[in-house]
């Protein structure tokens, strides 16, 4: 016997929460504007980083891409004119899951423009 403990599992122990669990995200987007693909891409990146997170979408008004974390608006395309960077959203989720205060995301990447 070598005293090897065997493979280490990344899964949480019973009673331990997965990172991001208890955090609820709602993304409201404009479907006719074609923003569903952006939502799905963002949701996939968030789920990859935080598998235990609850993320849902709902249809919004023209030009909308609004993100709420635990009921607090943290990003608004209507205010910023673009879409959030994934890293900024991931950071906001990390803060929310640690119980830290949330700040509005003001950085945004411009929407695609076809010339």
PDB file of N, CA and C in Angstrom:
ATOM      1  N   UNK A   1       0.832  -1.183   0.000  1.00  0.00           N
ATOM      2  CA  UNK A   1       0.000   0.000   0.000  1.00  0.00           C
ATOM      3  C   UNK A   1       0.874   1.244   0.000  1.00  0.00           C
ATOM      4  N   UNK A   2       0.563   2.114  -0.910  1.00  0.00           N
ATOM      5  CA  UNK A   2       1.365   3.324  -1.022  1.00  0.00           C
ATOM      6  C   UNK A   2       0.767   4.501  -0.267  1.00  0.00           C
ATOM      7  N   UNK A   3      -0.451   4.350   0.241  1.00  0.00           N
ATOM      8  CA  UNK A   3      -1.091   5.451   0.959  1.00  0.00           C
ATOM      9  C   UNK A   3      -1.751   6.429   0.012  1.00  0.00           C
ATOM     10  N   UNK A   4      -1.886   6.056  -1.272  1.00  0.00           N
ATOM     11  CA  UNK A   4      -2.530   6.918  -2.261  1.00  0.00           C
ATOM     12  C   UNK A   4      -4.007   7.081  -1.933  1.00  0.00           C
ATOM     13  N   UNK A   5      -4.495   8.283  -1.941  1.00  0.00           N
ATOM     14  CA  UNK A   5      -5.895   8.549  -1.627  1.00  0.00           C
ATOM     15  C   UNK A   5      -6.796   8.329  -2.839  1.00  0.00           C
ATOM     16  N   UNK A   6      -6.231   8.115  -4.009  1.00  0.00           N
ATOM     17  CA  UNK A   6      -7.023   7.919  -5.218  1.00  0.00           C
ATOM     18  C   UNK A   6      -7.285   9.249  -5.899  1.00  0.00           C
ATOM     19  N   UNK A   7      -8.104   9.218  -6.946  1.00  0.00           N
ATOM     20  CA  UNK A   7      -8.359  10.460  -7.690  1.00  0.00           C
ATOM     21  C   UNK A   7      -9.113  11.478  -6.840  1.00  0.00           C
ATOM     22  N   UNK A   8      -8.796  12.733  -7.058  1.00  0.00           N
ATOM     23  CA  UNK A   8      -9.443  13.820  -6.336  1.00  0.00           C
ATOM     24  C   UNK A   8     -10.610  14.312  -7.175  1.00  0.00           C
ATOM     25  N   UNK A   9     -11.777  14.389  -6.570  1.00  0.00           N
ATOM     26  CA  UNK A   9     -12.974  14.826  -7.277  1.00  0.00           C
ATOM     27  C   UNK A   9     -13.152  16.329  -7.112  1.00  0.00           C
ATOM     28  N   UNK A  10     -13.580  16.986  -8.196  1.00  0.00           N
ATOM     29  CA  UNK A  10     -13.845  18.421  -8.144  1.00  0.00           C
ATOM     30  C   UNK A  10     -15.270  18.698  -7.670  1.00  0.00           C
ATOM     31  N   UNK A  11     -16.082  17.650  -7.537  1.00  0.00           N
ATOM     32  CA  UNK A  11     -17.472  17.829  -7.107  1.00  0.00           C
ATOM     33  C   UNK A  11     -17.504  18.245  -5.641  1.00  0.00           C
ATOM     34  N   UNK A  12     -18.476  19.074  -5.293  1.00  0.00           N
ATOM     35  CA  UNK A  12     -18.566  19.487  -3.892  1.00  0.00           C
ATOM     36  C   UNK A  12     -18.953  18.320  -2.996  1.00  0.00           C
ATOM     37  N   UNK A  13     -18.513  18.360  -1.766  1.00  0.00           N
ATOM     38  CA  UNK A  13     -18.881  17.342  -0.786  1.00  0.00           C
ATOM     39  C   UNK A  13     -20.345  17.537  -0.405  1.00  0.00           C
ATOM     40  N   UNK A  14     -21.004  16.490   0.086  1.00  0.00           N
ATOM     41  CA  UNK A  14     -22.396  16.660   0.519  1.00  0.00           C
ATOM     42  C   UNK A  14     -22.504  17.803   1.521  1.00  0.00           C
ATOM     43  N   UNK A  15     -23.491  18.657   1.317  1.00  0.00           N
ATOM     44  CA  UNK A  15     -23.670  19.800   2.202  1.00  0.00           C
ATOM     45  C   UNK A  15     -22.883  21.023   1.772  1.00  0.00           C
ATOM     46  N   UNK A  16     -21.969  20.850   0.809  1.00  0.00           N
ATOM     47  CA  UNK A  16     -21.153  21.958   0.306  1.00  0.00           C
ATOM     48  C   UNK A  16     -21.808  22.484  -0.967  1.00  0.00           C
ATOM     49  N   UNK A  17     -21.852  23.796  -1.124  1.00  0.00           N
ATOM     50  CA  UNK A  17     -22.493  24.380  -2.294  1.00  0.00           C
ATOM     51  C   UNK A  17     -21.526  24.498  -3.461  1.00  0.00           C
ATOM     52  N   UNK A  18     -22.064  24.317  -4.670  1.00  0.00           N
ATOM     53  CA  UNK A  18     -21.265  24.551  -5.864  1.00  0.00           C
ATOM     54  C   UNK A  18     -21.042  26.050  -6.003  1.00  0.00           C
ATOM     55  N   UNK A  19     -19.892  26.463  -6.575  1.00  0.00           N
ATOM     56  CA  UNK A  19     -19.677  27.896  -6.788  1.00  0.00           C
ATOM     57  C   UNK A  19     -20.791  28.472  -7.646  1.00  0.00           C
ATOM     58  N   UNK A  20     -21.329  29.584  -7.229  1.00  0.00           N
ATOM     59  CA  UNK A  20     -22.389  30.234  -7.992  1.00  0.00           C
ATOM     60  C   UNK A  20     -23.790  29.827  -7.579  1.00  0.00           C
ATOM     61  N   UNK A  21     -23.917  28.732  -6.801  1.00  0.00           N
ATOM     62  CA  UNK A  21     -25.271  28.334  -6.400  1.00  0.00           C
ATOM     63  C   UNK A  21     -25.818  29.389  -5.452  1.00  0.00           C
ATOM     64  N   UNK A  22     -27.110  29.624  -5.535  1.00  0.00           N
ATOM     65  CA  UNK A  22     -27.719  30.688  -4.750  1.00  0.00           C
ATOM     66  C   UNK A  22     -27.708  32.021  -5.470  1.00  0.00           C
ATOM     67  N   UNK A  23     -27.030  32.083  -6.618  1.00  0.00           N
ATOM     68  CA  UNK A  23     -27.013  33.300  -7.427  1.00  0.00           C
ATOM     69  C   UNK A  23     -27.983  33.084  -8.580  1.00  0.00           C
ATOM     70  N   UNK A  24     -28.864  34.058  -8.780  1.00  0.00           N
ATOM     71  CA  UNK A  24     -29.864  33.953  -9.844  1.00  0.00           C
ATOM     72  C   UNK A  24     -29.657  35.090 -10.838  1.00  0.00           C
ATOM     73  N   UNK A  25     -29.524  34.707 -12.100  1.00  0.00           N
ATOM     74  CA  UNK A  25     -29.322  35.692 -13.162  1.00  0.00           C
ATOM     75  C   UNK A  25     -30.524  35.670 -14.091  1.00  0.00           C
ATOM     76  N   UNK A  26     -31.007  36.841 -14.434  1.00  0.00           N
ATOM     77  CA  UNK A  26     -32.060  36.976 -15.435  1.00  0.00           C
ATOM     78  C   UNK A  26     -31.523  37.890 -16.528  1.00  0.00           C
ATOM     79  N   UNK A  27     -31.587  37.411 -17.770  1.00  0.00           N
ATOM     80  CA  UNK A  27     -31.164  38.209 -18.913  1.00  0.00           C
ATOM     81  C   UNK A  27     -32.401  38.490 -19.760  1.00  0.00           C
ATOM     82  N   UNK A  28     -32.686  39.757 -19.934  1.00  0.00           N
ATOM     83  CA  UNK A  28     -33.816  40.175 -20.762  1.00  0.00           C
ATOM     84  C   UNK A  28     -33.235  40.684 -22.076  1.00  0.00           C
ATOM     85  N   UNK A  29     -33.681  40.097 -23.187  1.00  0.00           N
ATOM     86  CA  UNK A  29     -33.104  40.504 -24.474  1.00  0.00           C
ATOM     87  C   UNK A  29     -34.169  40.652 -25.550  1.00  0.00           C
ATOM     88  N   UNK A  30     -33.816  41.409 -26.574  1.00  0.00           N
ATOM     89  CA  UNK A  30     -34.684  41.652 -27.721  1.00  0.00           C
ATOM     90  C   UNK A  30     -34.485  40.526 -28.734  1.00  0.00           C
ATOM     91  N   UNK A  31     -35.508  39.688 -28.898  1.00  0.00           N
ATOM     92  CA  UNK A  31     -35.402  38.574 -29.845  1.00  0.00           C
ATOM     93  C   UNK A  31     -35.389  39.047 -31.301  1.00  0.00           C
ATOM     94  N   UNK A  32     -36.291  39.983 -31.708  1.00  0.00           N
ATOM     95  CA  UNK A  32     -36.255  40.441 -33.101  1.00  0.00           C
ATOM     96  C   UNK A  32     -34.918  41.090 -33.493  1.00  0.00           C
ATOM     97  N   UNK A  33     -34.187  41.610 -32.493  1.00  0.00           N
ATOM     98  CA  UNK A  33     -32.880  42.230 -32.764  1.00  0.00           C
ATOM     99  C   UNK A  33     -31.797  41.178 -33.024  1.00  0.00           C
ATOM    100  N   UNK A  34     -32.118  39.909 -32.758  1.00  0.00           N
ATOM    101  CA  UNK A  34     -31.133  38.845 -32.960  1.00  0.00           C
ATOM    102  C   UNK A  34     -30.191  38.652 -31.789  1.00  0.00           C
ATOM    103  N   UNK A  35     -30.608  39.074 -30.581  1.00  0.00           N
ATOM    104  CA  UNK A  35     -29.725  39.003 -29.412  1.00  0.00           C
ATOM    105  C   UNK A  35     -29.763  37.655 -28.706  1.00  0.00           C
ATOM    106  N   UNK A  36     -30.593  36.715 -29.184  1.00  0.00           N
ATOM    107  CA  UNK A  36     -30.661  35.401 -28.538  1.00  0.00           C
ATOM    108  C   UNK A  36     -29.310  34.691 -28.602  1.00  0.00           C
ATOM    109  N   UNK A  37     -28.614  34.794 -29.738  1.00  0.00           N
ATOM    110  CA  UNK A  37     -27.304  34.146 -29.880  1.00  0.00           C
ATOM    111  C   UNK A  37     -26.314  34.699 -28.853  1.00  0.00           C
ATOM    112  N   UNK A  38     -26.357  36.004 -28.608  1.00  0.00           N
ATOM    113  CA  UNK A  38     -25.472  36.618 -27.612  1.00  0.00           C
ATOM    114  C   UNK A  38     -25.818  36.100 -26.221  1.00  0.00           C
ATOM    115  N   UNK A  39     -27.120  35.984 -25.929  1.00  0.00           N
ATOM    116  CA  UNK A  39     -27.550  35.433 -24.636  1.00  0.00           C
ATOM    117  C   UNK A  39     -27.036  34.004 -24.470  1.00  0.00           C
ATOM    118  N   UNK A  40     -27.227  33.156 -25.483  1.00  0.00           N
ATOM    119  CA  UNK A  40     -26.817  31.753 -25.387  1.00  0.00           C
ATOM    120  C   UNK A  40     -25.306  31.620 -25.197  1.00  0.00           C
ATOM    121  N   UNK A  41     -24.549  32.454 -25.882  1.00  0.00           N
ATOM    122  CA  UNK A  41     -23.080  32.454 -25.747  1.00  0.00           C
ATOM    123  C   UNK A  41     -22.676  32.858 -24.326  1.00  0.00           C
ATOM    124  N   UNK A  42     -23.299  33.891 -23.812  1.00  0.00           N
ATOM    125  CA  UNK A  42     -23.005  34.373 -22.459  1.00  0.00           C
ATOM    126  C   UNK A  42     -23.427  33.341 -21.416  1.00  0.00           C
ATOM    127  N   UNK A  43     -24.620  32.763 -21.589  1.00  0.00           N
ATOM    128  CA  UNK A  43     -25.125  31.753 -20.647  1.00  0.00           C
ATOM    129  C   UNK A  43     -24.200  30.542 -20.616  1.00  0.00           C
ATOM    130  N   UNK A  44     -23.696  30.135 -21.774  1.00  0.00           N
ATOM    131  CA  UNK A  44     -22.783  28.991 -21.852  1.00  0.00           C
ATOM    132  C   UNK A  44     -21.483  29.277 -21.092  1.00  0.00           C
ATOM    133  N   UNK A  45     -20.939  30.477 -21.273  1.00  0.00           N
ATOM    134  CA  UNK A  45     -19.697  30.852 -20.581  1.00  0.00           C
ATOM    135  C   UNK A  45     -19.914  30.899 -19.072  1.00  0.00           C
ATOM    136  N   UNK A  46     -21.058  31.414 -18.650  1.00  0.00           N
ATOM    137  CA  UNK A  46     -21.368  31.502 -17.220  1.00  0.00           C
ATOM    138  C   UNK A  46     -21.518  30.105 -16.632  1.00  0.00           C
ATOM    139  N   UNK A  47     -22.259  29.217 -17.314  1.00  0.00           N
ATOM    140  CA  UNK A  47     -22.485  27.846 -16.833  1.00  0.00           C
ATOM    141  C   UNK A  47     -21.181  27.058 -16.766  1.00  0.00           C
ATOM    142  N   UNK A  48     -20.268  27.342 -17.692  1.00  0.00           N
ATOM    143  CA  UNK A  48     -18.968  26.657 -17.684  1.00  0.00           C
ATOM    144  C   UNK A  48     -18.179  27.032 -16.434  1.00  0.00           C
ATOM    145  N   UNK A  49     -18.240  28.295 -16.074  1.00  0.00           N
ATOM    146  CA  UNK A  49     -17.507  28.792 -14.902  1.00  0.00           C
ATOM    147  C   UNK A  49     -18.236  28.466 -13.601  1.00  0.00           C
ATOM    148  N   UNK A  50     -19.580  28.552 -13.636  1.00  0.00           N
ATOM    149  CA  UNK A  50     -20.407  28.348 -12.447  1.00  0.00           C
ATOM    150  C   UNK A  50     -21.539  27.375 -12.758  1.00  0.00           C
ATOM    151  N   UNK A  51     -21.269  26.058 -12.737  1.00  0.00           N
ATOM    152  CA  UNK A  51     -22.290  25.076 -13.099  1.00  0.00           C
ATOM    153  C   UNK A  51     -23.538  25.108 -12.211  1.00  0.00           C
ATOM    154  N   UNK A  52     -23.419  25.580 -10.973  1.00  0.00           N
ATOM    155  CA  UNK A  52     -24.556  25.576 -10.051  1.00  0.00           C
ATOM    156  C   UNK A  52     -25.436  26.808 -10.131  1.00  0.00           C
ATOM    157  N   UNK A  53     -25.147  27.690 -11.088  1.00  0.00           N
ATOM    158  CA  UNK A  53     -25.870  28.956 -11.144  1.00  0.00           C
ATOM    159  C   UNK A  53     -27.234  28.798 -11.810  1.00  0.00           C
ATOM    160  N   UNK A  54     -28.172  29.629 -11.407  1.00  0.00           N
ATOM    161  CA  UNK A  54     -29.495  29.645 -12.030  1.00  0.00           C
ATOM    162  C   UNK A  54     -29.534  30.833 -12.989  1.00  0.00           C
ATOM    163  N   UNK A  55     -29.717  30.551 -14.289  1.00  0.00           N
ATOM    164  CA  UNK A  55     -29.762  31.615 -15.292  1.00  0.00           C
ATOM    165  C   UNK A  55     -30.980  31.417 -16.166  1.00  0.00           C
ATOM    166  N   UNK A  56     -31.722  32.480 -16.356  1.00  0.00           N
ATOM    167  CA  UNK A  56     -32.915  32.381 -17.191  1.00  0.00           C
ATOM    168  C   UNK A  56     -32.987  33.591 -18.107  1.00  0.00           C
ATOM    169  N   UNK A  57     -33.796  33.446 -19.150  1.00  0.00           N
ATOM    170  CA  UNK A  57     -33.963  34.554 -20.089  1.00  0.00           C
ATOM    171  C   UNK A  57     -35.432  34.914 -20.179  1.00  0.00           C
ATOM    172  N   UNK A  58     -35.665  36.145 -20.582  1.00  0.00           N
ATOM    173  CA  UNK A  58     -37.024  36.559 -20.910  1.00  0.00           C
ATOM    174  C   UNK A  58     -36.926  37.591 -22.030  1.00  0.00           C
ATOM    175  N   UNK A  59     -37.985  37.659 -22.804  1.00  0.00           N
ATOM    176  CA  UNK A  59     -37.992  38.581 -23.931  1.00  0.00           C
ATOM    177  C   UNK A  59     -38.198  40.003 -23.439  1.00  0.00           C
ATOM    178  N   UNK A  60     -37.432  40.909 -24.034  1.00  0.00           N
ATOM    179  CA  UNK A  60     -37.499  42.310 -23.640  1.00  0.00           C
ATOM    180  C   UNK A  60     -37.865  43.187 -24.816  1.00  0.00           C
ATOM    181  N   UNK A  61     -37.839  44.470 -24.580  1.00  0.00           N
ATOM    182  CA  UNK A  61     -38.199  45.447 -25.598  1.00  0.00           C
ATOM    183  C   UNK A  61     -37.111  45.623 -26.644  1.00  0.00           C
ATOM    184  N   UNK A  62     -37.401  46.437 -27.624  1.00  0.00           N
ATOM    185  CA  UNK A  62     -36.485  46.691 -28.735  1.00  0.00           C
ATOM    186  C   UNK A  62     -35.130  47.186 -28.243  1.00  0.00           C
ATOM    187  N   UNK A  63     -34.080  46.504 -28.656  1.00  0.00           N
ATOM    188  CA  UNK A  63     -32.716  46.898 -28.320  1.00  0.00           C
ATOM    189  C   UNK A  63     -32.242  46.461 -26.941  1.00  0.00           C
ATOM    190  N   UNK A  64     -33.103  45.764 -26.198  1.00  0.00           N
ATOM    191  CA  UNK A  64     -32.769  45.420 -24.808  1.00  0.00           C
ATOM    192  C   UNK A  64     -31.790  44.247 -24.715  1.00  0.00           C
ATOM    193  N   UNK A  65     -30.878  44.352 -23.776  1.00  0.00           N
ATOM    194  CA  UNK A  65     -30.022  43.261 -23.314  1.00  0.00           C
ATOM    195  C   UNK A  65     -29.642  43.650 -21.891  1.00  0.00           C
ATOM    196  N   UNK A  66     -30.533  43.320 -20.961  1.00  0.00           N
ATOM    197  CA  UNK A  66     -30.420  43.752 -19.570  1.00  0.00           C
ATOM    198  C   UNK A  66     -30.109  42.538 -18.700  1.00  0.00           C
ATOM    199  N   UNK A  67     -29.186  42.672 -17.768  1.00  0.00           N
ATOM    200  CA  UNK A  67     -28.794  41.557 -16.909  1.00  0.00           C
ATOM    201  C   UNK A  67     -29.010  41.935 -15.447  1.00  0.00           C
ATOM    202  N   UNK A  68     -29.768  41.072 -14.750  1.00  0.00           N
ATOM    203  CA  UNK A  68     -29.988  41.229 -13.311  1.00  0.00           C
ATOM    204  C   UNK A  68     -29.312  40.072 -12.587  1.00  0.00           C
ATOM    205  N   UNK A  69     -28.680  40.379 -11.473  1.00  0.00           N
ATOM    206  CA  UNK A  69     -28.132  39.348 -10.592  1.00  0.00           C
ATOM    207  C   UNK A  69     -28.842  39.517  -9.258  1.00  0.00           C
ATOM    208  N   UNK A  70     -29.532  38.447  -8.843  1.00  0.00           N
ATOM    209  CA  UNK A  70     -30.304  38.470  -7.593  1.00  0.00           C
ATOM    210  C   UNK A  70     -31.218  39.694  -7.512  1.00  0.00           C
ATOM    211  N   UNK A  71     -31.858  40.017  -8.639  1.00  0.00           N
ATOM    212  CA  UNK A  71     -32.827  41.110  -8.672  1.00  0.00           C
ATOM    213  C   UNK A  71     -32.247  42.494  -8.862  1.00  0.00           C
ATOM    214  N   UNK A  72     -30.920  42.617  -8.930  1.00  0.00           N
ATOM    215  CA  UNK A  72     -30.284  43.926  -9.098  1.00  0.00           C
ATOM    216  C   UNK A  72     -29.778  44.071 -10.528  1.00  0.00           C
ATOM    217  N   UNK A  73     -30.178  45.150 -11.203  1.00  0.00           N
ATOM    218  CA  UNK A  73     -29.708  45.407 -12.564  1.00  0.00           C
ATOM    219  C   UNK A  73     -28.215  45.701 -12.523  1.00  0.00           C
ATOM    220  N   UNK A  74     -27.425  44.862 -13.211  1.00  0.00           N
ATOM    221  CA  UNK A  74     -25.975  45.077 -13.217  1.00  0.00           C
ATOM    222  C   UNK A  74     -25.455  45.477 -14.593  1.00  0.00           C
ATOM    223  N   UNK A  75     -26.281  45.262 -15.634  1.00  0.00           N
ATOM    224  CA  UNK A  75     -25.852  45.674 -16.967  1.00  0.00           C
ATOM    225  C   UNK A  75     -27.067  46.042 -17.805  1.00  0.00           C
ATOM    226  N   UNK A  76     -26.948  47.125 -18.574  1.00  0.00           N
ATOM    227  CA  UNK A  76     -28.015  47.553 -19.467  1.00  0.00           C
ATOM    228  C   UNK A  76     -27.433  47.983 -20.806  1.00  0.00           C
ATOM    229  N   UNK A  77     -27.791  47.244 -21.852  1.00  0.00           N
ATOM    230  CA  UNK A  77     -27.373  47.630 -23.203  1.00  0.00           C
ATOM    231  C   UNK A  77     -28.047  48.944 -23.582  1.00  0.00           C
ATOM    232  N   UNK A  78     -29.244  49.156 -23.090  1.00  0.00           N
ATOM    233  CA  UNK A  78     -29.954  50.399 -23.396  1.00  0.00           C
ATOM    234  C   UNK A  78     -29.181  51.607 -22.864  1.00  0.00           C
ATOM    235  N   UNK A  79     -28.463  51.428 -21.746  1.00  0.00           N
ATOM    236  CA  UNK A  79     -27.663  52.516 -21.172  1.00  0.00           C
ATOM    237  C   UNK A  79     -26.269  52.580 -21.784  1.00  0.00           C
ATOM    238  N   UNK A  80     -25.658  51.389 -22.025  1.00  0.00           N
ATOM    239  CA  UNK A  80     -24.261  51.340 -22.454  1.00  0.00           C
ATOM    240  C   UNK A  80     -24.060  51.274 -23.961  1.00  0.00           C
ATOM    241  N   UNK A  81     -25.076  50.834 -24.694  1.00  0.00           N
ATOM    242  CA  UNK A  81     -24.974  50.784 -26.149  1.00  0.00           C
ATOM    243  C   UNK A  81     -24.274  49.557 -26.707  1.00  0.00           C
ATOM    244  N   UNK A  82     -23.798  48.664 -25.863  1.00  0.00           N
ATOM    245  CA  UNK A  82     -23.105  47.461 -26.330  1.00  0.00           C
ATOM    246  C   UNK A  82     -23.460  46.278 -25.461  1.00  0.00           C
ATOM    247  N   UNK A  83     -22.657  45.240 -25.569  1.00  0.00           N
ATOM    248  CA  UNK A  83     -22.857  44.025 -24.788  1.00  0.00           C
ATOM    249  C   UNK A  83     -21.766  43.913 -23.732  1.00  0.00           C
ATOM    250  N   UNK A  84     -22.046  43.194 -22.629  1.00  0.00           N
ATOM    251  CA  UNK A  84     -21.031  43.074 -21.570  1.00  0.00           C
ATOM    252  C   UNK A  84     -19.902  42.141 -21.991  1.00  0.00           C
ATOM    253  N   UNK A  85     -18.742  42.384 -21.436  1.00  0.00           N
ATOM    254  CA  UNK A  85     -17.629  41.443 -21.597  1.00  0.00           C
ATOM    255  C   UNK A  85     -17.871  40.294 -20.627  1.00  0.00           C
ATOM    256  N   UNK A  86     -17.604  39.069 -21.076  1.00  0.00           N
ATOM    257  CA  UNK A  86     -17.815  37.885 -20.229  1.00  0.00           C
ATOM    258  C   UNK A  86     -17.065  38.017 -18.915  1.00  0.00           C
ATOM    259  N   UNK A  87     -15.823  38.490 -18.958  1.00  0.00           N
ATOM    260  CA  UNK A  87     -15.000  38.583 -17.740  1.00  0.00           C
ATOM    261  C   UNK A  87     -15.642  39.506 -16.704  1.00  0.00           C
ATOM    262  N   UNK A  88     -16.301  40.575 -17.156  1.00  0.00           N
ATOM    263  CA  UNK A  88     -16.953  41.491 -16.217  1.00  0.00           C
ATOM    264  C   UNK A  88     -18.169  40.834 -15.558  1.00  0.00           C
ATOM    265  N   UNK A  89     -18.922  40.062 -16.341  1.00  0.00           N
ATOM    266  CA  UNK A  89     -20.074  39.367 -15.784  1.00  0.00           C
ATOM    267  C   UNK A  89     -19.637  38.275 -14.813  1.00  0.00           C
ATOM    268  N   UNK A  90     -18.588  37.534 -15.181  1.00  0.00           N
ATOM    269  CA  UNK A  90     -18.051  36.481 -14.306  1.00  0.00           C
ATOM    270  C   UNK A  90     -17.593  37.091 -12.978  1.00  0.00           C
ATOM    271  N   UNK A  91     -16.966  38.252 -13.041  1.00  0.00           N
ATOM    272  CA  UNK A  91     -16.514  38.937 -11.821  1.00  0.00           C
ATOM    273  C   UNK A  91     -17.710  39.360 -10.967  1.00  0.00           C
ATOM    274  N   UNK A  92     -18.773  39.857 -11.599  1.00  0.00           N
ATOM    275  CA  UNK A  92     -19.976  40.254 -10.852  1.00  0.00           C
ATOM    276  C   UNK A  92     -20.607  39.038 -10.177  1.00  0.00           C
ATOM    277  N   UNK A  93     -20.600  37.896 -10.862  1.00  0.00           N
ATOM    278  CA  UNK A  93     -21.158  36.665 -10.283  1.00  0.00           C
ATOM    279  C   UNK A  93     -20.307  36.213  -9.099  1.00  0.00           C
ATOM    280  N   UNK A  94     -18.985  36.316  -9.245  1.00  0.00           N
ATOM    281  CA  UNK A  94     -18.088  35.943  -8.143  1.00  0.00           C
ATOM    282  C   UNK A  94     -18.394  36.800  -6.914  1.00  0.00           C
ATOM    283  N   UNK A  95     -18.571  38.093  -7.139  1.00  0.00           N
ATOM    284  CA  UNK A  95     -18.879  39.004  -6.026  1.00  0.00           C
ATOM    285  C   UNK A  95     -20.207  38.625  -5.380  1.00  0.00           C
ATOM    286  N   UNK A  96     -21.224  38.349  -6.207  1.00  0.00           N
ATOM    287  CA  UNK A  96     -22.544  37.987  -5.682  1.00  0.00           C
ATOM    288  C   UNK A  96     -22.478  36.694  -4.891  1.00  0.00           C
ATOM    289  N   UNK A  97     -21.721  35.707  -5.388  1.00  0.00           N
ATOM    290  CA  UNK A  97     -21.655  34.421  -4.690  1.00  0.00           C
ATOM    291  C   UNK A  97     -20.870  34.524  -3.384  1.00  0.00           C
ATOM    292  N   UNK A  98     -20.019  35.555  -3.265  1.00  0.00           N
ATOM    293  CA  UNK A  98     -19.277  35.789  -2.022  1.00  0.00           C
ATOM    294  C   UNK A  98     -20.001  36.749  -1.085  1.00  0.00           C
ATOM    295  N   UNK A  99     -21.198  37.203  -1.507  1.00  0.00           N
ATOM    296  CA  UNK A  99     -21.958  38.125  -0.669  1.00  0.00           C
ATOM    297  C   UNK A  99     -21.442  39.546  -0.707  1.00  0.00           C
ATOM    298  N   UNK A 100     -20.580  39.858  -1.685  1.00  0.00           N
ATOM    299  CA  UNK A 100     -20.039  41.218  -1.804  1.00  0.00           C
ATOM    300  C   UNK A 100     -21.050  42.103  -2.535  1.00  0.00           C
ATOM    301  N   UNK A 101     -20.982  43.418  -2.320  1.00  0.00           N
ATOM    302  CA  UNK A 101     -21.906  44.318  -3.020  1.00  0.00           C
ATOM    303  C   UNK A 101     -21.641  44.308  -4.528  1.00  0.00           C
ATOM    304  N   UNK A 102     -22.715  44.445  -5.295  1.00  0.00           N
ATOM    305  CA  UNK A 102     -22.592  44.453  -6.752  1.00  0.00           C
ATOM    306  C   UNK A 102     -22.481  45.880  -7.260  1.00  0.00           C
ATOM    307  N   UNK A 103     -21.675  46.038  -8.300  1.00  0.00           N
ATOM    308  CA  UNK A 103     -21.547  47.332  -8.960  1.00  0.00           C
ATOM    309  C   UNK A 103     -22.030  47.165 -10.386  1.00  0.00           C
ATOM    310  N   UNK A 104     -22.548  48.235 -10.958  1.00  0.00           N
ATOM    311  CA  UNK A 104     -23.021  48.188 -12.322  1.00  0.00           C
ATOM    312  C   UNK A 104     -21.829  48.015 -13.275  1.00  0.00           C
ATOM    313  N   UNK A 105     -22.013  47.166 -14.265  1.00  0.00           N
ATOM    314  CA  UNK A 105     -20.990  46.958 -15.300  1.00  0.00           C
ATOM    315  C   UNK A 105     -21.161  48.084 -16.318  1.00  0.00           C
ATOM    316  N   UNK A 106     -20.105  48.877 -16.502  1.00  0.00           N
ATOM    317  CA  UNK A 106     -20.192  49.999 -17.442  1.00  0.00           C
ATOM    318  C   UNK A 106     -19.368  49.775 -18.700  1.00  0.00           C
ATOM    319  N   UNK A 107     -18.432  48.811 -18.667  1.00  0.00           N
ATOM    320  CA  UNK A 107     -17.681  48.465 -19.873  1.00  0.00           C
ATOM    321  C   UNK A 107     -18.603  47.710 -20.812  1.00  0.00           C
ATOM    322  N   UNK A 108     -18.511  47.977 -22.098  1.00  0.00           N
ATOM    323  CA  UNK A 108     -19.283  47.200 -23.047  1.00  0.00           C
ATOM    324  C   UNK A 108     -18.544  47.129 -24.366  1.00  0.00           C
ATOM    325  N   UNK A 109     -18.759  45.995 -25.034  1.00  0.00           N
ATOM    326  CA  UNK A 109     -18.190  45.836 -26.373  1.00  0.00           C
ATOM    327  C   UNK A 109     -19.273  46.229 -27.363  1.00  0.00           C
ATOM    328  N   UNK A 110     -18.888  46.897 -28.443  1.00  0.00           N
ATOM    329  CA  UNK A 110     -19.904  47.347 -29.393  1.00  0.00           C
ATOM    330  C   UNK A 110     -20.576  46.165 -30.081  1.00  0.00           C
ATOM    331  N   UNK A 111     -21.849  46.349 -30.431  1.00  0.00           N
ATOM    332  CA  UNK A 111     -22.514  45.291 -31.197  1.00  0.00           C
ATOM    333  C   UNK A 111     -21.859  45.175 -32.562  1.00  0.00           C
ATOM    334  N   UNK A 112     -21.995  44.044 -33.199  1.00  0.00           N
ATOM    335  CA  UNK A 112     -21.417  43.848 -34.535  1.00  0.00           C
ATOM    336  C   UNK A 112     -22.048  44.831 -35.508  1.00  0.00           C
ATOM    337  N   UNK A 113     -21.215  45.373 -36.370  1.00  0.00           N
ATOM    338  CA  UNK A 113     -21.704  46.270 -37.404  1.00  0.00           C
ATOM    339  C   UNK A 113     -21.278  45.708 -38.741  1.00  0.00           C
ATOM    340  N   UNK A 114     -22.250  45.510 -39.612  1.00  0.00           N
ATOM    341  CA  UNK A 114     -21.950  45.006 -40.960  1.00  0.00           C
ATOM    342  C   UNK A 114     -21.994  46.178 -41.914  1.00  0.00           C
ATOM    343  N   UNK A 115     -20.870  46.383 -42.588  1.00  0.00           N
ATOM    344  CA  UNK A 115     -20.789  47.533 -43.518  1.00  0.00           C
ATOM    345  C   UNK A 115     -21.215  47.146 -44.901  1.00  0.00           C
TER     346      UNK A 115
END
